[in-house]
Every structure is written in structure tokens, then in C-alpha cells.
Amino acid sequence: MNRKTNVNAAIFLLFFLLFIHVIRIILHAKIYIVYSMGVGPLFLIALIIFLILLLYFKG
């Protein structure tokens, strides 16, 4: 597949951000995830996953 290098770099950076947010949630989550960390990080993770999929399939 011929993809531009910027798209590959963006996908890599988004995966890196997703990994960092998942690790942060695992380290700081309590029993009630929504109450202990808020809903913002969950929306951010959903946005990162959406952007990864968009860039991957749009190319």
C-alpha cells in the first residue's frame, strides 16, 4: 500500500497516545472508573481510536 509517510507517522503517534492513556487509566482507576477519573479521558481515547481508524482506512 502506498501511504504517505506523514500518515504513517500520525498513526504511530496516535497509537502511542492511546497506549499512554490506557496505562494512565490502569494506574489511576479505582473500582468506579467513571467517578475516579471522569468521562473526559474515555472520550479522548474514543477520539484517538476514531482518528486511527480514519487515517488507516482513508490512507
PDB file of N, CA and C in Angstrom:
ATOM      1  N   MET A   1       0.842  -1.174   0.000  1.00  0.00           N
ATOM      2  CA  MET A   1       0.000   0.000   0.000  1.00  0.00           C
ATOM      3  C   MET A   1       0.891   1.241   0.000  1.00  0.00           C
ATOM      4  N   ASN A   2       0.590   2.156  -0.863  1.00  0.00           N
ATOM      5  CA  ASN A   2       1.343   3.400  -0.910  1.00  0.00           C
ATOM      6  C   ASN A   2       0.676   4.431  -0.018  1.00  0.00           C
ATOM      7  N   ARG A   3       1.308   4.669   1.100  1.00  0.00           N
ATOM      8  CA  ARG A   3       0.800   5.682   2.024  1.00  0.00           C
ATOM      9  C   ARG A   3       1.866   6.737   2.192  1.00  0.00           C
ATOM     10  N   LYS A   4       1.412   7.927   2.449  1.00  0.00           N
ATOM     11  CA  LYS A   4       2.363   8.993   2.712  1.00  0.00           C
ATOM     12  C   LYS A   4       3.006   8.755   4.067  1.00  0.00           C
ATOM     13  N   THR A   5       4.237   9.200   4.204  1.00  0.00           N
ATOM     14  CA  THR A   5       4.948   8.981   5.461  1.00  0.00           C
ATOM     15  C   THR A   5       4.318   9.772   6.598  1.00  0.00           C
ATOM     16  N   ASN A   6       3.677  10.888   6.296  1.00  0.00           N
ATOM     17  CA  ASN A   6       3.034  11.671   7.355  1.00  0.00           C
ATOM     18  C   ASN A   6       1.860  10.914   7.958  1.00  0.00           C
ATOM     19  N   VAL A   7       1.131  10.181   7.139  1.00  0.00           N
ATOM     20  CA  VAL A   7       0.001   9.407   7.643  1.00  0.00           C
ATOM     21  C   VAL A   7       0.506   8.286   8.544  1.00  0.00           C
ATOM     22  N   ASN A   8       1.576   7.624   8.139  1.00  0.00           N
ATOM     23  CA  ASN A   8       2.147   6.571   8.979  1.00  0.00           C
ATOM     24  C   ASN A   8       2.655   7.135  10.299  1.00  0.00           C
ATOM     25  N   ALA A   9       3.268   8.303  10.261  1.00  0.00           N
ATOM     26  CA  ALA A   9       3.754   8.927  11.490  1.00  0.00           C
ATOM     27  C   ALA A   9       2.590   9.321  12.385  1.00  0.00           C
ATOM     28  N   ALA A  10       1.512   9.826  11.794  1.00  0.00           N
ATOM     29  CA  ALA A  10       0.339  10.214  12.583  1.00  0.00           C
ATOM     30  C   ALA A  10      -0.298   8.991  13.235  1.00  0.00           C
ATOM     31  N   ILE A  11      -0.386   7.885  12.512  1.00  0.00           N
ATOM     32  CA  ILE A  11      -0.946   6.660  13.075  1.00  0.00           C
ATOM     33  C   ILE A  11      -0.069   6.166  14.219  1.00  0.00           C
ATOM     34  N   PHE A  12       1.232   6.225  14.056  1.00  0.00           N
ATOM     35  CA  PHE A  12       2.142   5.814  15.125  1.00  0.00           C
ATOM     36  C   PHE A  12       1.969   6.687  16.368  1.00  0.00           C
ATOM     37  N   LEU A  13       1.898   7.992  16.182  1.00  0.00           N
ATOM     38  CA  LEU A  13       1.724   8.893  17.318  1.00  0.00           C
ATOM     39  C   LEU A  13       0.385   8.677  18.008  1.00  0.00           C
ATOM     40  N   LEU A  14      -0.659   8.408  17.252  1.00  0.00           N
ATOM     41  CA  LEU A  14      -1.966   8.153  17.858  1.00  0.00           C
ATOM     42  C   LEU A  14      -1.958   6.850  18.655  1.00  0.00           C
ATOM     43  N   PHE A  15      -1.299   5.823  18.146  1.00  0.00           N
ATOM     44  CA  PHE A  15      -1.162   4.586  18.917  1.00  0.00           C
ATOM     45  C   PHE A  15      -0.383   4.826  20.205  1.00  0.00           C
ATOM     46  N   PHE A  16       0.656   5.645  20.127  1.00  0.00           N
ATOM     47  CA  PHE A  16       1.446   5.971  21.313  1.00  0.00           C
ATOM     48  C   PHE A  16       0.599   6.716  22.344  1.00  0.00           C
ATOM     49  N   LEU A  17      -0.200   7.693  21.901  1.00  0.00           N
ATOM     50  CA  LEU A  17      -1.094   8.407  22.813  1.00  0.00           C
ATOM     51  C   LEU A  17      -2.126   7.473  23.430  1.00  0.00           C
ATOM     52  N   LEU A  18      -2.657   6.577  22.626  1.00  0.00           N
ATOM     53  CA  LEU A  18      -3.633   5.616  23.134  1.00  0.00           C
ATOM     54  C   LEU A  18      -3.006   4.723  24.200  1.00  0.00           C
ATOM     55  N   PHE A  19      -1.791   4.275  23.958  1.00  0.00           N
ATOM     56  CA  PHE A  19      -1.095   3.427  24.921  1.00  0.00           C
ATOM     57  C   PHE A  19      -0.874   4.173  26.239  1.00  0.00           C
ATOM     58  N   ILE A  20      -0.456   5.416  26.161  1.00  0.00           N
ATOM     59  CA  ILE A  20      -0.216   6.204  27.372  1.00  0.00           C
ATOM     60  C   ILE A  20      -1.504   6.410  28.152  1.00  0.00           C
ATOM     61  N   HIS A  21      -2.604   6.696  27.469  1.00  0.00           N
ATOM     62  CA  HIS A  21      -3.877   6.912  28.163  1.00  0.00           C
ATOM     63  C   HIS A  21      -4.393   5.623  28.802  1.00  0.00           C
ATOM     64  N   VAL A  22      -4.222   4.510  28.136  1.00  0.00           N
ATOM     65  CA  VAL A  22      -4.663   3.235  28.716  1.00  0.00           C
ATOM     66  C   VAL A  22      -3.846   2.912  29.959  1.00  0.00           C
ATOM     67  N   ILE A  23      -2.538   3.126  29.902  1.00  0.00           N
ATOM     68  CA  ILE A  23      -1.698   2.891  31.076  1.00  0.00           C
ATOM     69  C   ILE A  23      -2.088   3.825  32.212  1.00  0.00           C
ATOM     70  N   ARG A  24      -2.384   5.080  31.894  1.00  0.00           N
ATOM     71  CA  ARG A  24      -2.789   6.036  32.926  1.00  0.00           C
ATOM     72  C   ARG A  24      -4.104   5.621  33.580  1.00  0.00           C
ATOM     73  N   ILE A  25      -5.023   5.120  32.789  1.00  0.00           N
ATOM     74  CA  ILE A  25      -6.298   4.666  33.337  1.00  0.00           C
ATOM     75  C   ILE A  25      -6.085   3.450  34.236  1.00  0.00           C
ATOM     76  N   ILE A  26      -5.236   2.521  33.805  1.00  0.00           N
ATOM     77  CA  ILE A  26      -4.986   1.326  34.612  1.00  0.00           C
ATOM     78  C   ILE A  26      -4.339   1.704  35.944  1.00  0.00           C
ATOM     79  N   LEU A  27      -3.430   2.663  35.929  1.00  0.00           N
ATOM     80  CA  LEU A  27      -2.738   3.033  37.159  1.00  0.00           C
ATOM     81  C   LEU A  27      -3.606   3.848  38.113  1.00  0.00           C
ATOM     82  N   HIS A  28      -4.510   4.663  37.572  1.00  0.00           N
ATOM     83  CA  HIS A  28      -5.254   5.585  38.417  1.00  0.00           C
ATOM     84  C   HIS A  28      -6.722   5.226  38.601  1.00  0.00           C
ATOM     85  N   ALA A  29      -7.188   4.170  37.966  1.00  0.00           N
ATOM     86  CA  ALA A  29      -8.594   3.807  38.084  1.00  0.00           C
ATOM     87  C   ALA A  29      -8.858   3.123  39.419  1.00  0.00           C
ATOM     88  N   LYS A  30      -9.991   3.408  39.954  1.00  0.00           N
ATOM     89  CA  LYS A  30     -10.429   2.734  41.173  1.00  0.00           C
ATOM     90  C   LYS A  30     -11.569   1.801  40.789  1.00  0.00           C
ATOM     91  N   ILE A  31     -12.351   1.390  41.737  1.00  0.00           N
ATOM     92  CA  ILE A  31     -13.449   0.480  41.436  1.00  0.00           C
ATOM     93  C   ILE A  31     -14.464   1.149  40.514  1.00  0.00           C
ATOM     94  N   TYR A  32     -14.787   2.377  40.808  1.00  0.00           N
ATOM     95  CA  TYR A  32     -15.727   3.118  39.974  1.00  0.00           C
ATOM     96  C   TYR A  32     -14.930   3.982  39.012  1.00  0.00           C
ATOM     97  N   ILE A  33     -14.712   3.476  37.810  1.00  0.00           N
ATOM     98  CA  ILE A  33     -13.834   4.135  36.843  1.00  0.00           C
ATOM     99  C   ILE A  33     -14.362   5.516  36.476  1.00  0.00           C
ATOM    100  N   VAL A  34     -15.652   5.630  36.211  1.00  0.00           N
ATOM    101  CA  VAL A  34     -16.206   6.895  35.740  1.00  0.00           C
ATOM    102  C   VAL A  34     -16.088   7.965  36.824  1.00  0.00           C
ATOM    103  N   TYR A  35     -16.259   7.598  38.078  1.00  0.00           N
ATOM    104  CA  TYR A  35     -16.215   8.589  39.150  1.00  0.00           C
ATOM    105  C   TYR A  35     -14.786   8.982  39.509  1.00  0.00           C
ATOM    106  N   SER A  36     -13.847   8.073  39.367  1.00  0.00           N
ATOM    107  CA  SER A  36     -12.492   8.382  39.816  1.00  0.00           C
ATOM    108  C   SER A  36     -11.695   9.168  38.783  1.00  0.00           C
ATOM    109  N   MET A  37     -11.960   8.992  37.495  1.00  0.00           N
ATOM    110  CA  MET A  37     -11.153   9.695  36.511  1.00  0.00           C
ATOM    111  C   MET A  37     -11.964  10.648  35.650  1.00  0.00           C
ATOM    112  N   GLY A  38     -13.268  10.604  35.717  1.00  0.00           N
ATOM    113  CA  GLY A  38     -14.078  11.460  34.868  1.00  0.00           C
ATOM    114  C   GLY A  38     -14.336  10.811  33.524  1.00  0.00           C
ATOM    115  N   VAL A  39     -15.154  11.461  32.752  1.00  0.00           N
ATOM    116  CA  VAL A  39     -15.533  10.905  31.449  1.00  0.00           C
ATOM    117  C   VAL A  39     -14.622  11.424  30.346  1.00  0.00           C
ATOM    118  N   GLY A  40     -13.888  12.497  30.595  1.00  0.00           N
ATOM    119  CA  GLY A  40     -13.026  13.115  29.583  1.00  0.00           C
ATOM    120  C   GLY A  40     -12.010  12.183  28.972  1.00  0.00           C
ATOM    121  N   PRO A  41     -11.228  11.449  29.767  1.00  0.00           N
ATOM    122  CA  PRO A  41     -10.243  10.534  29.165  1.00  0.00           C
ATOM    123  C   PRO A  41     -10.877   9.441  28.309  1.00  0.00           C
ATOM    124  N   LEU A  42     -12.072   9.002  28.671  1.00  0.00           N
ATOM    125  CA  LEU A  42     -12.744   7.992  27.836  1.00  0.00           C
ATOM    126  C   LEU A  42     -13.108   8.570  26.473  1.00  0.00           C
ATOM    127  N   PHE A  43     -13.575   9.819  26.449  1.00  0.00           N
ATOM    128  CA  PHE A  43     -13.868  10.471  25.172  1.00  0.00           C
ATOM    129  C   PHE A  43     -12.592  10.688  24.364  1.00  0.00           C
ATOM    130  N   LEU A  44     -11.492  11.020  25.045  1.00  0.00           N
ATOM    131  CA  LEU A  44     -10.226  11.215  24.358  1.00  0.00           C
ATOM    132  C   LEU A  44      -9.737   9.911  23.739  1.00  0.00           C
ATOM    133  N   ILE A  45      -9.872   8.813  24.447  1.00  0.00           N
ATOM    134  CA  ILE A  45      -9.474   7.509  23.904  1.00  0.00           C
ATOM    135  C   ILE A  45     -10.346   7.142  22.705  1.00  0.00           C
ATOM    136  N   ALA A  46     -11.641   7.398  22.812  1.00  0.00           N
ATOM    137  CA  ALA A  46     -12.536   7.122  21.685  1.00  0.00           C
ATOM    138  C   ALA A  46     -12.159   7.974  20.472  1.00  0.00           C
ATOM    139  N   LEU A  47     -11.794   9.229  20.702  1.00  0.00           N
ATOM    140  CA  LEU A  47     -11.379  10.106  19.605  1.00  0.00           C
ATOM    141  C   LEU A  47     -10.089   9.611  18.969  1.00  0.00           C
ATOM    142  N   ILE A  48      -9.140   9.173  19.774  1.00  0.00           N
ATOM    143  CA  ILE A  48      -7.877   8.662  19.234  1.00  0.00           C
ATOM    144  C   ILE A  48      -8.116   7.403  18.401  1.00  0.00           C
ATOM    145  N   ILE A  49      -8.949   6.502  18.895  1.00  0.00           N
ATOM    146  CA  ILE A  49      -9.261   5.282  18.132  1.00  0.00           C
ATOM    147  C   ILE A  49      -9.954   5.634  16.823  1.00  0.00           C
ATOM    148  N   PHE A  50     -10.877   6.587  16.870  1.00  0.00           N
ATOM    149  CA  PHE A  50     -11.561   7.024  15.647  1.00  0.00           C
ATOM    150  C   PHE A  50     -10.568   7.609  14.646  1.00  0.00           C
ATOM    151  N   LEU A  51      -9.634   8.431  15.115  1.00  0.00           N
ATOM    152  CA  LEU A  51      -8.659   9.022  14.205  1.00  0.00           C
ATOM    153  C   LEU A  51      -7.721   7.970  13.620  1.00  0.00           C
ATOM    154  N   ILE A  52      -7.342   6.975  14.416  1.00  0.00           N
ATOM    155  CA  ILE A  52      -6.502   5.894  13.898  1.00  0.00           C
ATOM    156  C   ILE A  52      -7.238   5.161  12.778  1.00  0.00           C
ATOM    157  N   LEU A  53      -8.482   4.812  13.032  1.00  0.00           N
ATOM    158  CA  LEU A  53      -9.257   4.093  12.011  1.00  0.00           C
ATOM    159  C   LEU A  53      -9.479   4.952  10.774  1.00  0.00           C
ATOM    160  N   LEU A  54      -9.765   6.241  10.975  1.00  0.00           N
ATOM    161  CA  LEU A  54      -9.986   7.133   9.846  1.00  0.00           C
ATOM    162  C   LEU A  54      -8.727   7.240   8.983  1.00  0.00           C
ATOM    163  N   LEU A  55      -7.586   7.447   9.624  1.00  0.00           N
ATOM    164  CA  LEU A  55      -6.345   7.569   8.868  1.00  0.00           C
ATOM    165  C   LEU A  55      -5.946   6.252   8.224  1.00  0.00           C
ATOM    166  N   TYR A  56      -6.239   5.148   8.887  1.00  0.00           N
ATOM    167  CA  TYR A  56      -5.859   3.844   8.331  1.00  0.00           C
ATOM    168  C   TYR A  56      -6.661   3.517   7.076  1.00  0.00           C
ATOM    169  N   PHE A  57      -7.980   3.724   7.142  1.00  0.00           N
ATOM    170  CA  PHE A  57      -8.812   3.348   6.010  1.00  0.00           C
ATOM    171  C   PHE A  57      -8.856   4.429   4.931  1.00  0.00           C
ATOM    172  N   LYS A  58      -8.674   5.678   5.307  1.00  0.00           N
ATOM    173  CA  LYS A  58      -8.680   6.755   4.331  1.00  0.00           C
ATOM    174  C   LYS A  58      -7.336   6.813   3.596  1.00  0.00           C
ATOM    175  N   GLY A  59      -6.269   6.543   4.348  1.00  0.00           N
ATOM    176  CA  GLY A  59      -4.935   6.439   3.788  1.00  0.00           C
ATOM    177  C   GLY A  59      -4.404   7.718   3.267  1.00  0.00           C
TER     178      GLY A  59
END
